C-alpha atoms as a PDB file:
ATOM      1  CA  UNK A   1     -31.524   2.745 -23.596  1.00  0.00           C
ATOM      2  CA  UNK A   2     -30.671   3.637 -19.994  1.00  0.00           C
ATOM      3  CA  UNK A   3     -27.042   4.604 -19.458  1.00  0.00           C
ATOM      4  CA  UNK A   4     -25.644   5.379 -16.018  1.00  0.00           C
ATOM      5  CA  UNK A   5     -22.245   6.957 -15.362  1.00  0.00           C
ATOM      6  CA  UNK A   6     -20.357   6.965 -12.053  1.00  0.00           C
ATOM      7  CA  UNK A   7     -16.902   7.862 -10.735  1.00  0.00           C
ATOM      8  CA  UNK A   8     -15.419   4.345 -10.770  1.00  0.00           C
ATOM      9  CA  UNK A   9     -15.390   4.019  -6.972  1.00  0.00           C
ATOM     10  CA  UNK A  10     -17.074   1.273  -4.981  1.00  0.00           C
ATOM     11  CA  UNK A  11     -19.123   3.835  -3.069  1.00  0.00           C
ATOM     12  CA  UNK A  12     -20.115   5.323  -6.417  1.00  0.00           C
ATOM     13  CA  UNK A  13     -21.355   1.948  -7.660  1.00  0.00           C
ATOM     14  CA  UNK A  14     -23.431   1.406  -4.511  1.00  0.00           C
ATOM     15  CA  UNK A  15     -24.851   4.908  -4.916  1.00  0.00           C
ATOM     16  CA  UNK A  16     -25.757   3.985  -8.481  1.00  0.00           C
ATOM     17  CA  UNK A  17     -27.707   0.986  -7.187  1.00  0.00           C
ATOM     18  CA  UNK A  18     -29.530   3.222  -4.688  1.00  0.00           C
ATOM     19  CA  UNK A  19     -30.489   5.684  -7.437  1.00  0.00           C
ATOM     20  CA  UNK A  20     -31.709   2.852  -9.663  1.00  0.00           C
ATOM     21  CA  UNK A  21     -34.200   1.789  -7.026  1.00  0.00           C
ATOM     22  CA  UNK A  22     -35.169   5.391  -6.259  1.00  0.00           C
ATOM     23  CA  UNK A  23     -35.922   6.062  -9.929  1.00  0.00           C
ATOM     24  CA  UNK A  24     -37.213   2.534 -10.630  1.00  0.00           C
ATOM     25  CA  UNK A  25     -34.904   2.575 -13.604  1.00  0.00           C
ATOM     26  CA  UNK A  26     -32.022   0.178 -14.187  1.00  0.00           C
ATOM     27  CA  UNK A  27     -29.056   0.485 -16.554  1.00  0.00           C
ATOM     28  CA  UNK A  28     -28.581  -1.144 -19.911  1.00  0.00           C
ATOM     29  CA  UNK A  29     -25.019   0.139 -19.836  1.00  0.00           C
ATOM     30  CA  UNK A  30     -22.721   1.554 -17.157  1.00  0.00           C
ATOM     31  CA  UNK A  31     -19.960   4.049 -17.872  1.00  0.00           C
ATOM     32  CA  UNK A  32     -17.188   4.534 -15.354  1.00  0.00           C
ATOM     33  CA  UNK A  33     -14.289   6.968 -14.949  1.00  0.00           C
ATOM     34  CA  UNK A  34     -13.518  10.350 -16.437  1.00  0.00           C
ATOM     35  CA  UNK A  35     -12.749   8.906 -19.869  1.00  0.00           C
ATOM     36  CA  UNK A  36     -16.227   7.486 -20.393  1.00  0.00           C
ATOM     37  CA  UNK A  37     -17.903   8.344 -23.674  1.00  0.00           C
ATOM     38  CA  UNK A  38     -21.572   9.046 -24.136  1.00  0.00           C
ATOM     39  CA  UNK A  39     -23.698   6.723 -26.228  1.00  0.00           C
ATOM     40  CA  UNK A  40     -25.299   7.787 -29.486  1.00  0.00           C
ATOM     41  CA  UNK A  41     -28.791   6.715 -28.522  1.00  0.00           C
ATOM     42  CA  UNK A  42     -30.341   7.160 -25.101  1.00  0.00           C
ATOM     43  CA  UNK A  43     -29.720   9.517 -22.202  1.00  0.00           C
ATOM     44  CA  UNK A  44     -26.882   9.287 -19.701  1.00  0.00           C
ATOM     45  CA  UNK A  45     -27.615   9.620 -15.988  1.00  0.00           C
ATOM     46  CA  UNK A  46     -24.631  10.916 -14.043  1.00  0.00           C
ATOM     47  CA  UNK A  47     -24.449   9.531 -10.512  1.00  0.00           C
ATOM     48  CA  UNK A  48     -22.893  11.640  -7.771  1.00  0.00           C
ATOM     49  CA  UNK A  49     -21.341   9.486  -5.068  1.00  0.00           C
ATOM     50  CA  UNK A  50     -23.138   9.739  -1.740  1.00  0.00           C
ATOM     51  CA  UNK A  51     -21.615   7.845   1.198  1.00  0.00           C
ATOM     52  CA  UNK A  52     -24.912   7.670   3.097  1.00  0.00           C
ATOM     53  CA  UNK A  53     -26.730   6.134   0.131  1.00  0.00           C
ATOM     54  CA  UNK A  54     -23.845   3.730  -0.423  1.00  0.00           C
ATOM     55  CA  UNK A  55     -23.968   2.685   3.227  1.00  0.00           C
ATOM     56  CA  UNK A  56     -27.687   1.960   2.999  1.00  0.00           C
ATOM     57  CA  UNK A  57     -27.120  -0.331   0.016  1.00  0.00           C
ATOM     58  CA  UNK A  58     -24.227  -2.048   1.839  1.00  0.00           C
ATOM     59  CA  UNK A  59     -26.423  -2.684   4.869  1.00  0.00           C
ATOM     60  CA  UNK A  60     -29.198  -3.935   2.594  1.00  0.00           C
ATOM     61  CA  UNK A  61     -26.839  -6.478   1.041  1.00  0.00           C
ATOM     62  CA  UNK A  62     -25.690  -7.648   4.473  1.00  0.00           C
ATOM     63  CA  UNK A  63     -29.239  -7.997   5.808  1.00  0.00           C
ATOM     64  CA  UNK A  64     -30.456  -9.943   2.765  1.00  0.00           C
ATOM     65  CA  UNK A  65     -27.412 -12.198   2.444  1.00  0.00           C
ATOM     66  CA  UNK A  66     -24.353 -11.881   4.690  1.00  0.00           C
ATOM     67  CA  UNK A  67     -21.420  -9.647   5.523  1.00  0.00           C
ATOM     68  CA  UNK A  68     -19.138 -12.126   3.749  1.00  0.00           C
ATOM     69  CA  UNK A  69     -21.204 -11.663   0.613  1.00  0.00           C
ATOM     70  CA  UNK A  70     -20.947  -7.875   0.860  1.00  0.00           C
ATOM     71  CA  UNK A  71     -17.153  -8.169   1.028  1.00  0.00           C
ATOM     72  CA  UNK A  72     -17.272 -10.613  -1.886  1.00  0.00           C
ATOM     73  CA  UNK A  73     -19.003  -7.935  -3.936  1.00  0.00           C
ATOM     74  CA  UNK A  74     -16.286  -5.441  -2.980  1.00  0.00           C
ATOM     75  CA  UNK A  75     -13.508  -7.814  -4.032  1.00  0.00           C
ATOM     76  CA  UNK A  76     -15.180  -8.490  -7.374  1.00  0.00           C
ATOM     77  CA  UNK A  77     -15.384  -4.726  -7.917  1.00  0.00           C
ATOM     78  CA  UNK A  78     -11.603  -4.549  -7.427  1.00  0.00           C
ATOM     79  CA  UNK A  79     -11.159  -6.795 -10.455  1.00  0.00           C
ATOM     80  CA  UNK A  80     -11.533  -3.651 -12.533  1.00  0.00           C
ATOM     81  CA  UNK A  81     -12.929  -5.611 -15.471  1.00  0.00           C
ATOM     82  CA  UNK A  82     -15.122  -3.609 -17.884  1.00  0.00           C
ATOM     83  CA  UNK A  83     -18.118  -5.909 -17.369  1.00  0.00           C
ATOM     84  CA  UNK A  84     -17.790  -6.059 -13.565  1.00  0.00           C
ATOM     85  CA  UNK A  85     -20.055  -3.055 -12.719  1.00  0.00           C
ATOM     86  CA  UNK A  86     -22.982  -4.372 -14.764  1.00  0.00           C
ATOM     87  CA  UNK A  87     -22.466  -7.879 -13.429  1.00  0.00           C
ATOM     88  CA  UNK A  88     -22.446  -6.555  -9.857  1.00  0.00           C
ATOM     89  CA  UNK A  89     -25.575  -4.479 -10.337  1.00  0.00           C
ATOM     90  CA  UNK A  90     -27.399  -7.575 -11.609  1.00  0.00           C
ATOM     91  CA  UNK A  91     -26.080  -9.587  -8.677  1.00  0.00           C
ATOM     92  CA  UNK A  92     -27.020  -6.951  -6.094  1.00  0.00           C
ATOM     93  CA  UNK A  93     -30.519  -6.736  -7.587  1.00  0.00           C
ATOM     94  CA  UNK A  94     -30.822 -10.498  -7.229  1.00  0.00           C
ATOM     95  CA  UNK A  95     -29.770 -10.314  -3.571  1.00  0.00           C
ATOM     96  CA  UNK A  96     -32.031  -7.393  -2.683  1.00  0.00           C
ATOM     97  CA  UNK A  97     -35.133  -8.467  -4.607  1.00  0.00           C
ATOM     98  CA  UNK A  98     -35.148 -12.124  -3.582  1.00  0.00           C
ATOM     99  CA  UNK A  99     -37.120 -13.366  -0.590  1.00  0.00           C
ATOM    100  CA  UNK A 100     -34.293 -15.766   0.291  1.00  0.00           C
ATOM    101  CA  UNK A 101     -30.509 -15.677   0.391  1.00  0.00           C
ATOM    102  CA  UNK A 102     -29.284 -16.325  -3.167  1.00  0.00           C
ATOM    103  CA  UNK A 103     -25.519 -16.038  -2.623  1.00  0.00           C
ATOM    104  CA  UNK A 104     -25.062 -19.822  -2.849  1.00  0.00           C
ATOM    105  CA  UNK A 105     -27.629 -20.461  -5.566  1.00  0.00           C
ATOM    106  CA  UNK A 106     -25.181 -21.761  -8.164  1.00  0.00           C
ATOM    107  CA  UNK A 107     -27.978 -22.621 -10.570  1.00  0.00           C
ATOM    108  CA  UNK A 108     -27.937 -18.921 -11.502  1.00  0.00           C
ATOM    109  CA  UNK A 109     -25.237 -17.858 -13.960  1.00  0.00           C
ATOM    110  CA  UNK A 110     -24.583 -14.486 -12.319  1.00  0.00           C
ATOM    111  CA  UNK A 111     -23.856 -16.192  -8.982  1.00  0.00           C
ATOM    112  CA  UNK A 112     -21.405 -18.552 -10.683  1.00  0.00           C
ATOM    113  CA  UNK A 113     -19.694 -15.681 -12.523  1.00  0.00           C
ATOM    114  CA  UNK A 114     -19.374 -13.599  -9.352  1.00  0.00           C
ATOM    115  CA  UNK A 115     -17.836 -16.469  -7.408  1.00  0.00           C
ATOM    116  CA  UNK A 116     -15.392 -17.363 -10.185  1.00  0.00           C
ATOM    117  CA  UNK A 117     -14.161 -13.792 -10.460  1.00  0.00           C
ATOM    118  CA  UNK A 118     -14.003 -13.497  -6.677  1.00  0.00           C
ATOM    119  CA  UNK A 119     -11.704 -16.527  -6.518  1.00  0.00           C
ATOM    120  CA  UNK A 120      -9.409 -15.000  -9.138  1.00  0.00           C
ATOM    121  CA  UNK A 121      -9.140 -11.700  -7.250  1.00  0.00           C
ATOM    122  CA  UNK A 122      -8.434 -13.447  -3.938  1.00  0.00           C
ATOM    123  CA  UNK A 123      -5.802 -15.633  -5.597  1.00  0.00           C
ATOM    124  CA  UNK A 124      -4.065 -12.566  -7.006  1.00  0.00           C
ATOM    125  CA  UNK A 125      -4.058 -10.927  -3.568  1.00  0.00           C
ATOM    126  CA  UNK A 126      -2.533 -14.078  -2.085  1.00  0.00           C
ATOM    127  CA  UNK A 127       0.207 -13.963  -4.709  1.00  0.00           C
ATOM    128  CA  UNK A 128       1.077 -10.425  -3.654  1.00  0.00           C
ATOM    129  CA  UNK A 129       1.436 -11.666  -0.069  1.00  0.00           C
ATOM    130  CA  UNK A 130       3.849 -14.362  -1.235  1.00  0.00           C
ATOM    131  CA  UNK A 131       5.867 -12.607  -3.921  1.00  0.00           C
ATOM    132  CA  UNK A 132       6.439  -9.111  -2.531  1.00  0.00           C
ATOM    133  CA  UNK A 133      10.142  -8.287  -2.150  1.00  0.00           C
ATOM    134  CA  UNK A 134      11.053  -5.155  -0.213  1.00  0.00           C
ATOM    135  CA  UNK A 135      14.070  -2.985  -1.015  1.00  0.00           C
ATOM    136  CA  UNK A 136      15.775  -0.916   1.649  1.00  0.00           C
ATOM    137  CA  UNK A 137      16.008   2.807   0.889  1.00  0.00           C
ATOM    138  CA  UNK A 138      18.680   5.329   1.916  1.00  0.00           C
ATOM    139  CA  UNK A 139      16.225   6.642   4.515  1.00  0.00           C
ATOM    140  CA  UNK A 140      15.952   3.236   6.172  1.00  0.00           C
ATOM    141  CA  UNK A 141      12.403   2.587   5.044  1.00  0.00           C
ATOM    142  CA  UNK A 142      11.381  -0.208   2.663  1.00  0.00           C
ATOM    143  CA  UNK A 143       9.852  -0.150  -0.790  1.00  0.00           C
ATOM    144  CA  UNK A 144       8.138  -2.758  -2.974  1.00  0.00           C
ATOM    145  CA  UNK A 145       6.259  -2.490  -6.261  1.00  0.00           C
ATOM    146  CA  UNK A 146       4.572  -4.676  -8.842  1.00  0.00           C
ATOM    147  CA  UNK A 147       1.756  -4.607 -11.407  1.00  0.00           C
ATOM    148  CA  UNK A 148      -0.960  -7.057 -10.332  1.00  0.00           C
ATOM    149  CA  UNK A 149      -3.624  -8.246 -12.730  1.00  0.00           C
ATOM    150  CA  UNK A 150      -6.368  -6.866 -10.475  1.00  0.00           C
ATOM    151  CA  UNK A 151      -6.532  -3.898  -8.109  1.00  0.00           C
ATOM    152  CA  UNK A 152      -5.788  -6.013  -5.041  1.00  0.00           C
ATOM    153  CA  UNK A 153      -3.549  -3.628  -3.108  1.00  0.00           C
ATOM    154  CA  UNK A 154      -6.352  -2.568  -0.698  1.00  0.00           C
ATOM    155  CA  UNK A 155      -6.891  -6.240   0.165  1.00  0.00           C
ATOM    156  CA  UNK A 156      -3.192  -6.801   0.920  1.00  0.00           C
ATOM    157  CA  UNK A 157      -2.435  -3.818   3.148  1.00  0.00           C
ATOM    158  CA  UNK A 158      -3.823  -5.320   6.410  1.00  0.00           C
ATOM    159  CA  UNK A 159      -1.446  -8.284   5.967  1.00  0.00           C
ATOM    160  CA  UNK A 160       1.618  -6.066   5.536  1.00  0.00           C
ATOM    161  CA  UNK A 161       0.578  -3.711   8.324  1.00  0.00           C
ATOM    162  CA  UNK A 162       0.411  -6.628  10.748  1.00  0.00           C
ATOM    163  CA  UNK A 163       3.390  -8.548   9.378  1.00  0.00           C
ATOM    164  CA  UNK A 164       5.775  -5.562   9.146  1.00  0.00           C
ATOM    165  CA  UNK A 165       4.464  -3.315  11.908  1.00  0.00           C
ATOM    166  CA  UNK A 166       7.963  -2.456  13.176  1.00  0.00           C
ATOM    167  CA  UNK A 167       9.249  -0.842   9.967  1.00  0.00           C
ATOM    168  CA  UNK A 168       8.078   1.914   7.661  1.00  0.00           C
ATOM    169  CA  UNK A 169       7.303   0.903   4.084  1.00  0.00           C
ATOM    170  CA  UNK A 170       5.724   1.847   0.779  1.00  0.00           C
ATOM    171  CA  UNK A 171       3.940  -0.671  -1.439  1.00  0.00           C
ATOM    172  CA  UNK A 172       3.185   0.630  -4.919  1.00  0.00           C
ATOM    173  CA  UNK A 173       1.023  -0.528  -7.822  1.00  0.00           C
ATOM    174  CA  UNK A 174       2.938   0.450 -10.964  1.00  0.00           C
ATOM    175  CA  UNK A 175       0.053  -0.418 -13.265  1.00  0.00           C
ATOM    176  CA  UNK A 176      -2.459   1.865 -11.520  1.00  0.00           C
ATOM    177  CA  UNK A 177       0.062   4.436 -10.269  1.00  0.00           C
ATOM    178  CA  UNK A 178      -0.838   4.530  -6.601  1.00  0.00           C
ATOM    179  CA  UNK A 179       0.279   2.894  -3.399  1.00  0.00           C
ATOM    180  CA  UNK A 180       0.212   2.913   0.393  1.00  0.00           C
ATOM    181  CA  UNK A 181       2.679   4.280   2.914  1.00  0.00           C
ATOM    182  CA  UNK A 182       3.043   3.003   6.465  1.00  0.00           C
ATOM    183  CA  UNK A 183       4.862   5.344   8.906  1.00  0.00           C
ATOM    184  CA  UNK A 184       4.837   3.039  11.973  1.00  0.00           C
ATOM    185  CA  UNK A 185       1.502   4.546  13.034  1.00  0.00           C
ATOM    186  CA  UNK A 186      -0.956   4.854  10.181  1.00  0.00           C
ATOM    187  CA  UNK A 187      -1.399   3.720   6.596  1.00  0.00           C
ATOM    188  CA  UNK A 188      -2.141   6.359   3.963  1.00  0.00           C
ATOM    189  CA  UNK A 189      -2.459   6.302   0.187  1.00  0.00           C
ATOM    190  CA  UNK A 190       0.257   7.916  -1.937  1.00  0.00           C
ATOM    191  CA  UNK A 191       0.731   8.861  -5.586  1.00  0.00           C
ATOM    192  CA  UNK A 192       4.103   9.769  -7.095  1.00  0.00           C
ATOM    193  CA  UNK A 193       4.317  12.051 -10.128  1.00  0.00           C
ATOM    194  CA  UNK A 194       8.006  11.297 -10.654  1.00  0.00           C
ATOM    195  CA  UNK A 195       8.669   7.828  -9.318  1.00  0.00           C
ATOM    196  CA  UNK A 196      12.369   6.963  -9.514  1.00  0.00           C
ATOM    197  CA  UNK A 197      11.780   3.291 -10.136  1.00  0.00           C
ATOM    198  CA  UNK A 198      12.470   1.056 -13.098  1.00  0.00           C
ATOM    199  CA  UNK A 199       8.910   0.205 -14.153  1.00  0.00           C
ATOM    200  CA  UNK A 200      10.179  -2.905 -15.950  1.00  0.00           C
ATOM    201  CA  UNK A 201      11.330  -4.653 -12.768  1.00  0.00           C
ATOM    202  CA  UNK A 202      10.335  -2.419  -9.856  1.00  0.00           C
ATOM    203  CA  UNK A 203      13.957  -1.741  -8.876  1.00  0.00           C
ATOM    204  CA  UNK A 204      14.653   1.521  -7.083  1.00  0.00           C
ATOM    205  CA  UNK A 205      16.950   4.073  -8.670  1.00  0.00           C
ATOM    206  CA  UNK A 206      20.523   3.738  -7.369  1.00  0.00           C
ATOM    207  CA  UNK A 207      20.273   7.153  -5.662  1.00  0.00           C
ATOM    208  CA  UNK A 208      17.368   5.916  -3.501  1.00  0.00           C
ATOM    209  CA  UNK A 209      18.718   2.471  -2.662  1.00  0.00           C
ATOM    210  CA  UNK A 210      20.565   1.792   0.597  1.00  0.00           C
ATOM    211  CA  UNK A 211      24.260   0.966   0.227  1.00  0.00           C
ATOM    212  CA  UNK A 212      23.862  -2.589   1.481  1.00  0.00           C
ATOM    213  CA  UNK A 213      20.667  -3.364  -0.487  1.00  0.00           C
ATOM    214  CA  UNK A 214      22.534  -4.698  -3.514  1.00  0.00           C
ATOM    215  CA  UNK A 215      24.556  -6.952  -1.215  1.00  0.00           C
ATOM    216  CA  UNK A 216      21.397  -8.333   0.394  1.00  0.00           C
ATOM    217  CA  UNK A 217      19.903  -8.996  -3.038  1.00  0.00           C
ATOM    218  CA  UNK A 218      23.077 -10.827  -4.048  1.00  0.00           C
ATOM    219  CA  UNK A 219      22.973 -12.933  -0.874  1.00  0.00           C
ATOM    220  CA  UNK A 220      19.306 -13.716  -1.474  1.00  0.00           C
ATOM    221  CA  UNK A 221      20.108 -14.913  -5.008  1.00  0.00           C
ATOM    222  CA  UNK A 222      22.886 -17.143  -3.664  1.00  0.00           C
ATOM    223  CA  UNK A 223      20.569 -18.589  -1.016  1.00  0.00           C
ATOM    224  CA  UNK A 224      17.845 -19.212  -3.579  1.00  0.00           C
ATOM    225  CA  UNK A 225      20.335 -20.967  -5.856  1.00  0.00           C
ATOM    226  CA  UNK A 226      21.822 -23.066  -3.046  1.00  0.00           C
ATOM    227  CA  UNK A 227      18.481 -24.524  -1.901  1.00  0.00           C
ATOM    228  CA  UNK A 228      17.465 -25.461  -5.446  1.00  0.00           C
ATOM    229  CA  UNK A 229      17.745 -29.198  -6.134  1.00  0.00           C
ATOM    230  CA  UNK A 230      18.457 -29.389  -9.841  1.00  0.00           C
ATOM    231  CA  UNK A 231      17.374 -33.018 -10.113  1.00  0.00           C
ATOM    232  CA  UNK A 232      13.907 -32.129  -8.818  1.00  0.00           C
ATOM    233  CA  UNK A 233      13.258 -29.067 -10.944  1.00  0.00           C
ATOM    234  CA  UNK A 234       9.831 -28.993 -12.531  1.00  0.00           C
ATOM    235  CA  UNK A 235       9.506 -25.845 -14.624  1.00  0.00           C
ATOM    236  CA  UNK A 236       5.838 -26.447 -15.436  1.00  0.00           C
ATOM    237  CA  UNK A 237       4.784 -26.652 -11.792  1.00  0.00           C
ATOM    238  CA  UNK A 238       7.103 -23.777 -10.952  1.00  0.00           C
ATOM    239  CA  UNK A 239       5.330 -21.513 -13.454  1.00  0.00           C
ATOM    240  CA  UNK A 240       1.930 -22.618 -12.134  1.00  0.00           C
ATOM    241  CA  UNK A 241       2.823 -21.709  -8.556  1.00  0.00           C
ATOM    242  CA  UNK A 242       4.869 -18.653  -9.490  1.00  0.00           C
ATOM    243  CA  UNK A 243       3.447 -17.044 -12.664  1.00  0.00           C
ATOM    244  CA  UNK A 244       6.117 -15.736 -14.992  1.00  0.00           C
ATOM    245  CA  UNK A 245       4.689 -12.204 -14.967  1.00  0.00           C
ATOM    246  CA  UNK A 246       5.939 -11.881 -11.360  1.00  0.00           C
ATOM    247  CA  UNK A 247       9.486 -12.994 -12.116  1.00  0.00           C
ATOM    248  CA  UNK A 248      10.715  -9.562 -13.164  1.00  0.00           C
ATOM    249  CA  UNK A 249       9.919  -8.185  -9.690  1.00  0.00           C
ATOM    250  CA  UNK A 250      11.837 -10.905  -7.810  1.00  0.00           C
ATOM    251  CA  UNK A 251      15.557 -10.302  -7.135  1.00  0.00           C
ATOM    252  CA  UNK A 252      16.230 -14.047  -7.228  1.00  0.00           C
ATOM    253  CA  UNK A 253      14.939 -14.111 -10.815  1.00  0.00           C
ATOM    254  CA  UNK A 254      16.806 -11.079 -12.149  1.00  0.00           C
END
């Protein structure tokens, strides 16, 4: 039984693919992250991430399919599902080994699975675009947090950087405990050891919130209530378009 272990990064997974071809040995199981446990039977091959090897695999995927397909693979990786690494390795092998472009060959189950998961990840990223609510801090910057189903924050940052380029902000993933900070010039990743935020609803601690933020939230609730036409309410459709798991992060729903 061939077991490969990597550092749970996308570059690490591409390096793993490179090493598989170099050794002519492919995994029966893939372990990821520091908490991975060894198997009882079989040896474990630890993969050290190498950016140059990862880049070669990336370019190989692009040349044998398309750049869109390479980005599709990246987005599927961000799903963070336990079976995603093995699924992606199988898919990348299909792309690299085939004499034709297989990315639209929906007669193959792995292609169908990759595309289904890709759609789910993209949909979750789109929801973050729609449902993010910023809170003004005492420093004049803005803060927003949530706990998305998938690790879609990297996919969303370009949207917020372009849309809110004139203000500094922090967007934080409470589930994965990391975020991004924009300082009017560059975007950088941040991790807080002692985040003064209510993890149940993403609300800033009172000491960090601007004096007029509560007023703005109250006005937003009133506006939301005033535009609602009670006679046309459709709770089923409302929950389909706005999943209930996001409600706790929306001031108009608190």
